[in-house]
Amino acid sequence: MAKIDYINPESMVKPRGYSHAITVTGNHQTIYLGGQNAVDENGTLVGKDSLRKQTEQVLTNIEKILAESNAKLENVIKFNIYLISGENPQEGFQVFQEKWRDSSNYPIITVLFVAGLGNPDWLVEIDGMAVLPE
């Protein structure tokens, strides 16, 4: 069975909503999540001008992908979040806080501001990695 350790040294600033590092040891399945955007199952963009709504849809899409491998958001250990320059990351961060509200084991997160994504109406794209015990 996989053992996941969340590394948040007391000698560093206490993270809020993310972890500094994670180690995974033992038998496990790794799920690599390709960049997800806010397009729903009908091919329609959700939340054209709302980072919050787009982030909600992106996480919904990620949950659907994880479910195919019997995994959940709690199995995600790493997210890369790509935001259009000028967007307020706090709007999207609030969605993450709602999803992980009762957890102290947050994934590690990297946030990057970019000039553009694959569609000019996309405000956010998220990829990541999840670990599922075998």
Foldseek 3Di string as FASTA:
>chain_A
DKDKDFDADPVDDGDDQETPDIDIDDAWDKDWFDKFWQQDPVRDRFPLPAPLRGLVSRQVVVQVVQVVVPHGPLQFAEKEKEFAPPDDCVSNSVVSCVVQVPDPRHHHYHYHHDNDDPDNSTGMIMIGMGIGHD
